[in-house]
Amino acid sequence: MKLSVFCGASVDGFLARPNHALDFLEAGGHEPHGFEEFYGSVDVVVIGRKTFEVVLTFGEWPYGKKPVVVLSSRPLDFSSVKGGVVEQMSGEPAEIAAQLKTRGFQHAYIDGGITIQRFLAAGLIDRMVITRVPVLIGEGIPLFGPLPRDIELRHVATRCYKGGLVQTEYELGAAQQSPDSG
């Protein structure tokens, strides 16, 4: 099973403001930068509880009919999700990845600050596409956190966009480190 991250972050490395607002992501304009193609390649989305709560404020469920797994050890209310396929799981990242693989999923989109950090620390991420938005916000929810060891990245490509977005794609050695992710 392949696990990928595709995210936008401020140049100073934040995914969201301290209050979880994403308004600064607009600084790069609305030009296409490959997200639709990436999203079409995944068959399940894995997010954390806080990301789920932020997504609920969008009004419309952004994931369509794609299965979404929300990670939380606390009970969640999915009644406000209209037209979506959503479920809850809890456990360590390796357990989650193994469960998804057993269910036949082949490519998971891992999203949300803590969720990305936990899957990275567990050595389960195979690919990261990070789009830097041309803004500094000073504080917020960081993309990266403490790691138990260095994680080697293999640069695949860097793309620049007219609106100032700079997107870098990396492959990680996750498949060799963790038999559950392959």
N, C-alpha and C. Protein backbone atom coordinates (compact mmCIF):
# COMPACT_ATOMS: atom_id res chain seq x y z
N MET A 1 0.83 -1.18 0.00
CA MET A 1 0.00 0.00 0.00
C MET A 1 0.88 1.24 0.00
N LYS A 2 0.52 2.22 -0.80
CA LYS A 2 1.26 3.47 -0.90
C LYS A 2 0.57 4.53 -0.05
N LEU A 3 1.34 5.28 0.74
CA LEU A 3 0.82 6.36 1.56
C LEU A 3 1.50 7.65 1.14
N SER A 4 0.69 8.65 0.79
CA SER A 4 1.22 9.91 0.26
C SER A 4 0.68 11.11 1.03
N VAL A 5 1.50 12.15 1.05
CA VAL A 5 1.12 13.46 1.60
C VAL A 5 1.12 14.43 0.43
N PHE A 6 0.10 15.26 0.34
CA PHE A 6 0.04 16.34 -0.65
C PHE A 6 -0.54 17.52 0.11
N CYS A 7 0.29 18.52 0.40
CA CYS A 7 -0.19 19.61 1.26
C CYS A 7 0.38 20.95 0.85
N GLY A 8 -0.30 21.99 1.30
CA GLY A 8 0.18 23.35 1.17
C GLY A 8 0.65 23.82 2.52
N ALA A 9 1.71 24.63 2.51
CA ALA A 9 2.25 25.16 3.75
C ALA A 9 2.83 26.55 3.49
N SER A 10 2.83 27.38 4.51
CA SER A 10 3.48 28.68 4.40
C SER A 10 4.98 28.43 4.23
N VAL A 11 5.70 29.43 3.75
CA VAL A 11 7.14 29.28 3.57
C VAL A 11 7.82 28.96 4.90
N ASP A 12 7.26 29.45 6.01
CA ASP A 12 7.85 29.13 7.31
C ASP A 12 7.32 27.81 7.90
N GLY A 13 6.66 27.00 7.08
CA GLY A 13 6.38 25.62 7.44
C GLY A 13 5.09 25.31 8.17
N PHE A 14 4.10 26.20 8.09
CA PHE A 14 2.85 25.95 8.81
C PHE A 14 1.73 25.53 7.86
N LEU A 15 0.96 24.53 8.28
CA LEU A 15 -0.18 24.03 7.52
C LEU A 15 -1.43 24.87 7.76
N ALA A 16 -1.52 25.47 8.93
CA ALA A 16 -2.69 26.26 9.31
C ALA A 16 -2.28 27.25 10.39
N ARG A 17 -3.13 28.24 10.59
CA ARG A 17 -2.90 29.19 11.69
C ARG A 17 -3.17 28.49 13.03
N PRO A 18 -2.80 29.10 14.16
CA PRO A 18 -3.06 28.47 15.46
C PRO A 18 -4.54 28.13 15.67
N ASN A 19 -5.45 28.91 15.07
CA ASN A 19 -6.89 28.65 15.19
C ASN A 19 -7.40 27.71 14.09
N HIS A 20 -6.47 27.08 13.38
CA HIS A 20 -6.75 26.12 12.30
C HIS A 20 -7.23 26.77 11.00
N ALA A 21 -7.22 28.10 10.92
CA ALA A 21 -7.64 28.79 9.69
C ALA A 21 -6.64 28.52 8.57
N LEU A 22 -7.18 28.40 7.36
CA LEU A 22 -6.38 28.10 6.17
C LEU A 22 -6.36 29.27 5.19
N ASP A 23 -6.82 30.44 5.61
CA ASP A 23 -6.98 31.57 4.71
C ASP A 23 -5.70 31.98 3.99
N PHE A 24 -4.54 31.80 4.59
CA PHE A 24 -3.28 32.20 3.97
C PHE A 24 -2.94 31.38 2.73
N LEU A 25 -3.57 30.22 2.57
CA LEU A 25 -3.29 29.39 1.39
C LEU A 25 -3.71 30.10 0.10
N GLU A 26 -4.58 31.09 0.20
CA GLU A 26 -5.02 31.86 -0.96
C GLU A 26 -3.88 32.68 -1.56
N ALA A 27 -2.82 32.92 -0.81
CA ALA A 27 -1.73 33.78 -1.27
C ALA A 27 -1.09 33.29 -2.57
N GLY A 28 -1.22 32.04 -2.87
CA GLY A 28 -0.63 31.50 -4.09
C GLY A 28 -1.56 31.53 -5.28
N GLY A 29 -2.72 32.13 -5.12
CA GLY A 29 -3.68 32.14 -6.21
C GLY A 29 -4.40 30.81 -6.32
N HIS A 30 -5.19 30.66 -7.33
CA HIS A 30 -6.00 29.45 -7.48
C HIS A 30 -5.59 28.64 -8.70
N GLU A 31 -4.36 28.80 -9.16
CA GLU A 31 -3.96 28.07 -10.36
C GLU A 31 -3.81 26.58 -10.06
N PRO A 32 -4.09 25.73 -11.04
CA PRO A 32 -3.93 24.28 -10.84
C PRO A 32 -2.48 23.94 -10.52
N HIS A 33 -2.29 23.04 -9.57
CA HIS A 33 -0.93 22.63 -9.20
C HIS A 33 -0.84 21.11 -8.96
N GLY A 34 -1.74 20.38 -9.58
CA GLY A 34 -1.65 18.92 -9.56
C GLY A 34 -2.48 18.22 -8.51
N PHE A 35 -3.19 18.98 -7.68
CA PHE A 35 -3.94 18.31 -6.62
C PHE A 35 -5.04 17.42 -7.18
N GLU A 36 -5.77 17.88 -8.17
CA GLU A 36 -6.88 17.09 -8.72
C GLU A 36 -6.37 15.75 -9.26
N GLU A 37 -5.24 15.79 -9.96
CA GLU A 37 -4.66 14.55 -10.50
C GLU A 37 -4.21 13.63 -9.35
N PHE A 38 -3.58 14.22 -8.34
CA PHE A 38 -3.17 13.43 -7.18
C PHE A 38 -4.39 12.80 -6.52
N TYR A 39 -5.42 13.62 -6.26
CA TYR A 39 -6.61 13.14 -5.56
C TYR A 39 -7.27 12.00 -6.33
N GLY A 40 -7.23 12.08 -7.65
CA GLY A 40 -7.78 11.02 -8.48
C GLY A 40 -7.02 9.72 -8.36
N SER A 41 -5.78 9.78 -7.89
CA SER A 41 -4.95 8.57 -7.78
C SER A 41 -5.10 7.84 -6.45
N VAL A 42 -5.76 8.48 -5.47
CA VAL A 42 -5.91 7.85 -4.16
C VAL A 42 -7.28 7.19 -4.03
N ASP A 43 -7.34 6.13 -3.24
CA ASP A 43 -8.64 5.48 -3.04
C ASP A 43 -9.15 5.57 -1.61
N VAL A 44 -8.41 6.22 -0.72
CA VAL A 44 -8.87 6.46 0.65
C VAL A 44 -8.12 7.68 1.20
N VAL A 45 -8.81 8.45 2.05
CA VAL A 45 -8.23 9.62 2.70
C VAL A 45 -8.17 9.34 4.19
N VAL A 46 -7.03 9.65 4.81
CA VAL A 46 -6.86 9.46 6.25
C VAL A 46 -6.55 10.82 6.87
N ILE A 47 -7.42 11.27 7.78
CA ILE A 47 -7.25 12.56 8.45
C ILE A 47 -7.42 12.37 9.95
N GLY A 48 -6.94 13.35 10.69
CA GLY A 48 -7.13 13.33 12.14
C GLY A 48 -8.42 14.04 12.52
N ARG A 49 -8.75 13.94 13.79
CA ARG A 49 -9.98 14.54 14.32
C ARG A 49 -10.01 16.05 14.12
N LYS A 50 -8.90 16.73 14.40
CA LYS A 50 -8.89 18.19 14.27
C LYS A 50 -9.09 18.61 12.81
N THR A 51 -8.46 17.91 11.90
CA THR A 51 -8.64 18.21 10.47
C THR A 51 -10.10 17.98 10.09
N PHE A 52 -10.69 16.89 10.58
CA PHE A 52 -12.10 16.60 10.32
C PHE A 52 -12.97 17.75 10.80
N GLU A 53 -12.71 18.26 12.01
CA GLU A 53 -13.50 19.35 12.55
C GLU A 53 -13.37 20.61 11.70
N VAL A 54 -12.17 20.88 11.19
CA VAL A 54 -11.96 22.03 10.30
C VAL A 54 -12.73 21.83 9.00
N VAL A 55 -12.65 20.64 8.43
CA VAL A 55 -13.33 20.34 7.17
C VAL A 55 -14.84 20.53 7.31
N LEU A 56 -15.38 20.21 8.46
CA LEU A 56 -16.83 20.39 8.67
C LEU A 56 -17.25 21.85 8.55
N THR A 57 -16.33 22.78 8.79
CA THR A 57 -16.66 24.21 8.69
C THR A 57 -16.72 24.68 7.24
N PHE A 58 -16.28 23.88 6.30
CA PHE A 58 -16.28 24.27 4.88
C PHE A 58 -17.69 24.34 4.30
N GLY A 59 -18.66 23.73 4.97
CA GLY A 59 -20.02 23.72 4.46
C GLY A 59 -20.30 22.49 3.62
N GLU A 60 -19.62 22.36 2.51
CA GLU A 60 -19.81 21.21 1.64
C GLU A 60 -18.70 20.19 1.89
N TRP A 61 -19.04 18.92 1.94
CA TRP A 61 -18.07 17.84 2.16
C TRP A 61 -17.12 17.78 0.95
N PRO A 62 -15.84 18.08 1.14
CA PRO A 62 -14.94 18.23 0.00
C PRO A 62 -14.42 16.91 -0.61
N TYR A 63 -14.68 15.79 0.04
CA TYR A 63 -14.08 14.53 -0.41
C TYR A 63 -14.98 13.72 -1.34
N GLY A 64 -16.19 14.21 -1.60
CA GLY A 64 -17.10 13.48 -2.47
C GLY A 64 -17.44 12.12 -1.88
N LYS A 65 -17.44 11.10 -2.73
CA LYS A 65 -17.77 9.74 -2.30
C LYS A 65 -16.53 8.92 -1.92
N LYS A 66 -15.35 9.55 -1.98
CA LYS A 66 -14.12 8.84 -1.62
C LYS A 66 -14.16 8.49 -0.14
N PRO A 67 -13.82 7.26 0.24
CA PRO A 67 -13.81 6.89 1.66
C PRO A 67 -12.83 7.74 2.46
N VAL A 68 -13.29 8.22 3.60
CA VAL A 68 -12.48 9.02 4.50
C VAL A 68 -12.43 8.32 5.85
N VAL A 69 -11.23 8.14 6.36
CA VAL A 69 -11.02 7.56 7.68
C VAL A 69 -10.55 8.68 8.60
N VAL A 70 -11.29 8.90 9.69
CA VAL A 70 -10.93 9.92 10.66
C VAL A 70 -10.32 9.20 11.87
N LEU A 71 -9.10 9.61 12.21
CA LEU A 71 -8.41 8.98 13.33
C LEU A 71 -8.73 9.72 14.62
N SER A 72 -9.28 9.00 15.58
CA SER A 72 -9.58 9.57 16.88
C SER A 72 -9.89 8.46 17.86
N SER A 73 -9.46 8.65 19.09
CA SER A 73 -9.81 7.67 20.13
C SER A 73 -11.09 8.09 20.84
N ARG A 74 -11.57 9.32 20.56
CA ARG A 74 -12.82 9.80 21.13
C ARG A 74 -13.96 9.57 20.14
N PRO A 75 -15.18 9.34 20.63
CA PRO A 75 -16.32 9.16 19.72
C PRO A 75 -16.54 10.41 18.87
N LEU A 76 -16.90 10.21 17.61
CA LEU A 76 -17.14 11.32 16.69
C LEU A 76 -18.57 11.28 16.17
N ASP A 77 -19.09 12.43 15.83
CA ASP A 77 -20.43 12.54 15.27
C ASP A 77 -20.31 12.83 13.78
N PHE A 78 -20.75 11.88 12.96
CA PHE A 78 -20.67 12.03 11.51
C PHE A 78 -22.00 12.48 10.90
N SER A 79 -22.97 12.84 11.72
CA SER A 79 -24.31 13.15 11.21
C SER A 79 -24.33 14.37 10.28
N SER A 80 -23.37 15.28 10.43
CA SER A 80 -23.37 16.47 9.57
C SER A 80 -22.68 16.23 8.23
N VAL A 81 -22.10 15.05 8.03
CA VAL A 81 -21.46 14.73 6.76
C VAL A 81 -22.55 14.28 5.80
N LYS A 82 -22.80 15.11 4.81
CA LYS A 82 -23.86 14.81 3.84
C LYS A 82 -23.25 14.27 2.55
N GLY A 83 -23.62 13.05 2.18
CA GLY A 83 -23.17 12.47 0.93
C GLY A 83 -21.78 11.87 0.96
N GLY A 84 -21.12 11.89 2.11
CA GLY A 84 -19.77 11.35 2.20
C GLY A 84 -19.73 9.94 2.77
N VAL A 85 -18.62 9.28 2.56
CA VAL A 85 -18.37 7.96 3.11
C VAL A 85 -17.27 8.15 4.15
N VAL A 86 -17.64 8.11 5.42
CA VAL A 86 -16.68 8.42 6.48
C VAL A 86 -16.81 7.42 7.62
N GLU A 87 -15.67 7.07 8.19
CA GLU A 87 -15.65 6.16 9.34
C GLU A 87 -14.52 6.57 10.27
N GLN A 88 -14.54 6.02 11.45
CA GLN A 88 -13.55 6.32 12.47
C GLN A 88 -12.66 5.11 12.71
N MET A 89 -11.37 5.38 12.93
CA MET A 89 -10.41 4.34 13.34
C MET A 89 -9.53 4.94 14.43
N SER A 90 -8.92 4.08 15.21
CA SER A 90 -7.92 4.53 16.16
C SER A 90 -6.83 3.48 16.21
N GLY A 91 -5.67 3.90 16.70
CA GLY A 91 -4.54 2.98 16.79
C GLY A 91 -3.28 3.62 16.25
N GLU A 92 -2.24 2.86 16.27
CA GLU A 92 -0.95 3.33 15.77
C GLU A 92 -0.97 3.38 14.25
N PRO A 93 -0.17 4.26 13.64
CA PRO A 93 -0.15 4.37 12.18
C PRO A 93 0.06 3.03 11.45
N ALA A 94 0.96 2.19 11.95
CA ALA A 94 1.20 0.90 11.29
C ALA A 94 -0.06 0.02 11.31
N GLU A 95 -0.81 0.07 12.41
CA GLU A 95 -2.05 -0.70 12.51
C GLU A 95 -3.09 -0.18 11.52
N ILE A 96 -3.19 1.14 11.43
CA ILE A 96 -4.15 1.76 10.50
C ILE A 96 -3.80 1.36 9.08
N ALA A 97 -2.52 1.50 8.70
CA ALA A 97 -2.09 1.16 7.34
C ALA A 97 -2.35 -0.31 7.05
N ALA A 98 -2.09 -1.18 8.01
CA ALA A 98 -2.33 -2.62 7.81
C ALA A 98 -3.82 -2.91 7.61
N GLN A 99 -4.67 -2.25 8.39
CA GLN A 99 -6.12 -2.45 8.25
C GLN A 99 -6.60 -1.99 6.87
N LEU A 100 -6.11 -0.85 6.43
CA LEU A 100 -6.52 -0.33 5.12
C LEU A 100 -6.05 -1.25 3.99
N LYS A 101 -4.83 -1.74 4.12
CA LYS A 101 -4.29 -2.65 3.10
C LYS A 101 -5.11 -3.94 3.05
N THR A 102 -5.46 -4.47 4.22
CA THR A 102 -6.27 -5.69 4.31
C THR A 102 -7.63 -5.49 3.63
N ARG A 103 -8.15 -4.28 3.69
CA ARG A 103 -9.44 -3.98 3.08
C ARG A 103 -9.34 -3.72 1.58
N GLY A 104 -8.13 -3.80 1.04
CA GLY A 104 -7.96 -3.67 -0.41
C GLY A 104 -7.60 -2.29 -0.91
N PHE A 105 -7.42 -1.33 -0.01
CA PHE A 105 -7.01 0.00 -0.46
C PHE A 105 -5.56 -0.06 -0.94
N GLN A 106 -5.26 0.73 -1.98
CA GLN A 106 -3.92 0.70 -2.55
C GLN A 106 -3.14 1.99 -2.39
N HIS A 107 -3.85 3.13 -2.29
CA HIS A 107 -3.15 4.42 -2.20
C HIS A 107 -3.91 5.34 -1.25
N ALA A 108 -3.30 5.67 -0.13
CA ALA A 108 -3.92 6.52 0.89
C ALA A 108 -3.33 7.92 0.86
N TYR A 109 -4.22 8.90 0.98
CA TYR A 109 -3.85 10.31 1.12
C TYR A 109 -3.86 10.62 2.61
N ILE A 110 -2.69 10.92 3.16
CA ILE A 110 -2.54 11.20 4.59
C ILE A 110 -2.54 12.72 4.75
N ASP A 111 -3.46 13.27 5.56
CA ASP A 111 -3.57 14.72 5.67
C ASP A 111 -3.82 15.14 7.11
N GLY A 112 -3.37 16.34 7.43
CA GLY A 112 -3.53 16.91 8.77
C GLY A 112 -2.21 16.87 9.52
N GLY A 113 -1.89 17.94 10.23
CA GLY A 113 -0.59 18.09 10.88
C GLY A 113 -0.13 16.92 11.73
N ILE A 114 -0.88 16.59 12.76
CA ILE A 114 -0.47 15.52 13.66
C ILE A 114 -0.48 14.18 12.95
N THR A 115 -1.46 13.97 12.09
CA THR A 115 -1.55 12.70 11.35
C THR A 115 -0.33 12.53 10.45
N ILE A 116 0.03 13.56 9.70
CA ILE A 116 1.23 13.49 8.85
C ILE A 116 2.45 13.21 9.72
N GLN A 117 2.60 13.93 10.82
CA GLN A 117 3.76 13.75 11.70
C GLN A 117 3.85 12.33 12.24
N ARG A 118 2.72 11.76 12.65
CA ARG A 118 2.72 10.40 13.22
C ARG A 118 3.09 9.36 12.16
N PHE A 119 2.54 9.50 10.94
CA PHE A 119 2.85 8.53 9.89
C PHE A 119 4.30 8.68 9.42
N LEU A 120 4.82 9.91 9.39
CA LEU A 120 6.24 10.12 9.06
C LEU A 120 7.14 9.47 10.11
N ALA A 121 6.85 9.74 11.38
CA ALA A 121 7.67 9.19 12.47
C ALA A 121 7.65 7.66 12.45
N ALA A 122 6.54 7.07 12.00
CA ALA A 122 6.42 5.61 11.94
C ALA A 122 7.09 5.04 10.68
N GLY A 123 7.61 5.91 9.81
CA GLY A 123 8.29 5.45 8.60
C GLY A 123 7.35 4.90 7.55
N LEU A 124 6.13 5.41 7.48
CA LEU A 124 5.13 4.85 6.58
C LEU A 124 4.84 5.67 5.33
N ILE A 125 5.32 6.90 5.28
CA ILE A 125 5.03 7.75 4.12
C ILE A 125 5.98 7.40 2.97
N ASP A 126 5.40 7.18 1.79
CA ASP A 126 6.17 6.83 0.60
C ASP A 126 6.49 8.05 -0.27
N ARG A 127 5.58 9.04 -0.26
CA ARG A 127 5.73 10.19 -1.16
C ARG A 127 5.16 11.42 -0.48
N MET A 128 5.86 12.56 -0.67
CA MET A 128 5.38 13.83 -0.16
C MET A 128 5.45 14.87 -1.27
N VAL A 129 4.36 15.59 -1.45
CA VAL A 129 4.34 16.74 -2.36
C VAL A 129 3.96 17.93 -1.48
N ILE A 130 4.91 18.84 -1.31
CA ILE A 130 4.73 19.99 -0.43
C ILE A 130 4.72 21.24 -1.30
N THR A 131 3.63 21.98 -1.25
CA THR A 131 3.51 23.21 -2.01
C THR A 131 3.66 24.38 -1.05
N ARG A 132 4.75 25.12 -1.22
CA ARG A 132 5.01 26.29 -0.37
C ARG A 132 4.26 27.48 -0.94
N VAL A 133 3.46 28.10 -0.08
CA VAL A 133 2.67 29.27 -0.44
C VAL A 133 3.50 30.50 -0.07
N PRO A 134 3.58 31.50 -0.95
CA PRO A 134 4.46 32.65 -0.71
C PRO A 134 3.95 33.60 0.37
N VAL A 135 4.01 33.12 1.60
CA VAL A 135 3.61 33.95 2.74
C VAL A 135 4.29 33.39 3.99
N LEU A 136 4.62 34.29 4.91
CA LEU A 136 5.12 33.90 6.23
C LEU A 136 4.01 34.23 7.22
N ILE A 137 3.63 33.28 8.06
CA ILE A 137 2.56 33.55 9.02
C ILE A 137 3.05 33.58 10.47
N GLY A 138 4.30 33.19 10.71
CA GLY A 138 4.90 33.36 12.02
C GLY A 138 4.61 32.31 13.06
N GLU A 139 3.40 31.77 13.06
CA GLU A 139 3.04 30.72 14.01
C GLU A 139 1.86 29.96 13.46
N GLY A 140 1.69 28.75 13.99
CA GLY A 140 0.58 27.94 13.53
C GLY A 140 0.82 26.47 13.78
N ILE A 141 0.15 25.66 12.98
CA ILE A 141 0.26 24.21 13.09
C ILE A 141 1.37 23.77 12.13
N PRO A 142 2.48 23.25 12.67
CA PRO A 142 3.61 22.93 11.82
C PRO A 142 3.39 21.68 10.97
N LEU A 143 4.00 21.69 9.79
CA LEU A 143 3.98 20.51 8.95
C LEU A 143 4.79 19.40 9.60
N PHE A 144 5.97 19.75 10.10
CA PHE A 144 6.85 18.74 10.68
C PHE A 144 6.99 18.92 12.18
N GLY A 145 7.25 17.81 12.87
CA GLY A 145 7.47 17.83 14.31
C GLY A 145 8.67 16.97 14.65
N PRO A 146 8.82 16.63 15.92
CA PRO A 146 9.95 15.80 16.34
C PRO A 146 9.92 14.44 15.63
N LEU A 147 11.09 13.92 15.34
CA LEU A 147 11.21 12.62 14.68
C LEU A 147 12.16 11.73 15.48
N PRO A 148 11.91 10.42 15.48
CA PRO A 148 12.78 9.51 16.22
C PRO A 148 14.14 9.30 15.56
N ARG A 149 14.25 9.70 14.29
CA ARG A 149 15.50 9.53 13.53
C ARG A 149 15.41 10.42 12.29
N ASP A 150 16.54 10.57 11.61
CA ASP A 150 16.53 11.28 10.33
C ASP A 150 15.72 10.48 9.32
N ILE A 151 15.03 11.18 8.46
CA ILE A 151 14.28 10.54 7.38
C ILE A 151 14.88 11.03 6.07
N GLU A 152 15.44 10.11 5.32
CA GLU A 152 16.05 10.45 4.04
C GLU A 152 14.96 10.71 3.00
N LEU A 153 15.13 11.79 2.25
CA LEU A 153 14.21 12.15 1.19
C LEU A 153 14.95 12.09 -0.15
N ARG A 154 14.27 11.58 -1.16
CA ARG A 154 14.84 11.59 -2.51
C ARG A 154 14.05 12.60 -3.33
N HIS A 155 14.74 13.66 -3.76
CA HIS A 155 14.09 14.71 -4.53
C HIS A 155 13.63 14.15 -5.87
N VAL A 156 12.38 14.35 -6.21
CA VAL A 156 11.82 13.91 -7.48
C VAL A 156 11.70 15.09 -8.43
N ALA A 157 11.12 16.19 -7.95
CA ALA A 157 10.91 17.35 -8.82
C ALA A 157 10.59 18.58 -7.99
N THR A 158 10.88 19.74 -8.56
CA THR A 158 10.44 21.01 -8.01
C THR A 158 9.80 21.79 -9.14
N ARG A 159 8.60 22.31 -8.86
CA ARG A 159 7.85 23.05 -9.87
C ARG A 159 7.51 24.43 -9.31
N CYS A 160 7.61 25.44 -10.15
CA CYS A 160 7.25 26.81 -9.76
C CYS A 160 6.03 27.25 -10.56
N TYR A 161 5.15 28.02 -9.92
CA TYR A 161 3.92 28.47 -10.55
C TYR A 161 3.87 29.99 -10.57
N LYS A 162 3.14 30.55 -11.54
CA LYS A 162 3.05 32.00 -11.74
C LYS A 162 2.64 32.75 -10.49
N GLY A 163 1.74 32.17 -9.70
CA GLY A 163 1.25 32.82 -8.48
C GLY A 163 2.25 32.80 -7.34
N GLY A 164 3.43 32.20 -7.54
CA GLY A 164 4.45 32.17 -6.51
C GLY A 164 4.55 30.86 -5.75
N LEU A 165 3.66 29.91 -6.03
CA LEU A 165 3.76 28.61 -5.39
C LEU A 165 5.03 27.90 -5.83
N VAL A 166 5.68 27.23 -4.90
CA VAL A 166 6.84 26.40 -5.20
C VAL A 166 6.55 25.02 -4.63
N GLN A 167 6.49 24.04 -5.50
CA GLN A 167 6.08 22.69 -5.11
C GLN A 167 7.27 21.74 -5.25
N THR A 168 7.53 21.01 -4.18
CA THR A 168 8.62 20.04 -4.21
C THR A 168 8.05 18.66 -3.89
N GLU A 169 8.49 17.70 -4.69
CA GLU A 169 8.04 16.32 -4.54
C GLU A 169 9.22 15.46 -4.09
N TYR A 170 8.96 14.61 -3.11
CA TYR A 170 9.98 13.70 -2.57
C TYR A 170 9.44 12.28 -2.51
N GLU A 171 10.33 11.33 -2.66
CA GLU A 171 10.04 9.94 -2.32
C GLU A 171 10.83 9.63 -1.07
N LEU A 172 10.24 8.80 -0.23
CA LEU A 172 10.88 8.42 1.02
C LEU A 172 11.20 6.93 0.97
N GLY A 173 12.10 6.50 1.79
CA GLY A 173 12.47 5.09 1.81
C GLY A 173 11.53 4.25 2.66
N ALA A 174 10.28 4.67 2.79
CA ALA A 174 9.32 4.01 3.70
C ALA A 174 9.09 2.55 3.35
N ALA A 175 9.01 2.23 2.08
CA ALA A 175 8.70 0.86 1.69
C ALA A 175 9.76 -0.12 2.19
N GLN A 176 11.02 0.32 2.24
CA GLN A 176 12.07 -0.54 2.74
C GLN A 176 12.08 -0.62 4.26
N GLN A 177 11.62 0.44 4.93
CA GLN A 177 11.67 0.50 6.39
C GLN A 177 10.52 -0.24 7.04
N SER A 178 9.38 -0.28 6.36
CA SER A 178 8.19 -0.82 6.99
C SER A 178 7.48 -1.80 6.06
N PRO A 179 7.50 -3.08 6.37
CA PRO A 179 6.87 -4.06 5.50
C PRO A 179 5.35 -3.86 5.37
N ASP A 180 4.71 -3.21 6.34
CA ASP A 180 3.26 -3.01 6.28
C ASP A 180 2.86 -1.99 5.23
N SER A 181 3.79 -1.11 4.80
CA SER A 181 3.41 -0.05 3.88
C SER A 181 3.54 -0.46 2.42
N GLY A 182 4.22 -1.54 2.11
CA GLY A 182 4.49 -1.92 0.72
C GLY A 182 3.41 -2.62 0.04
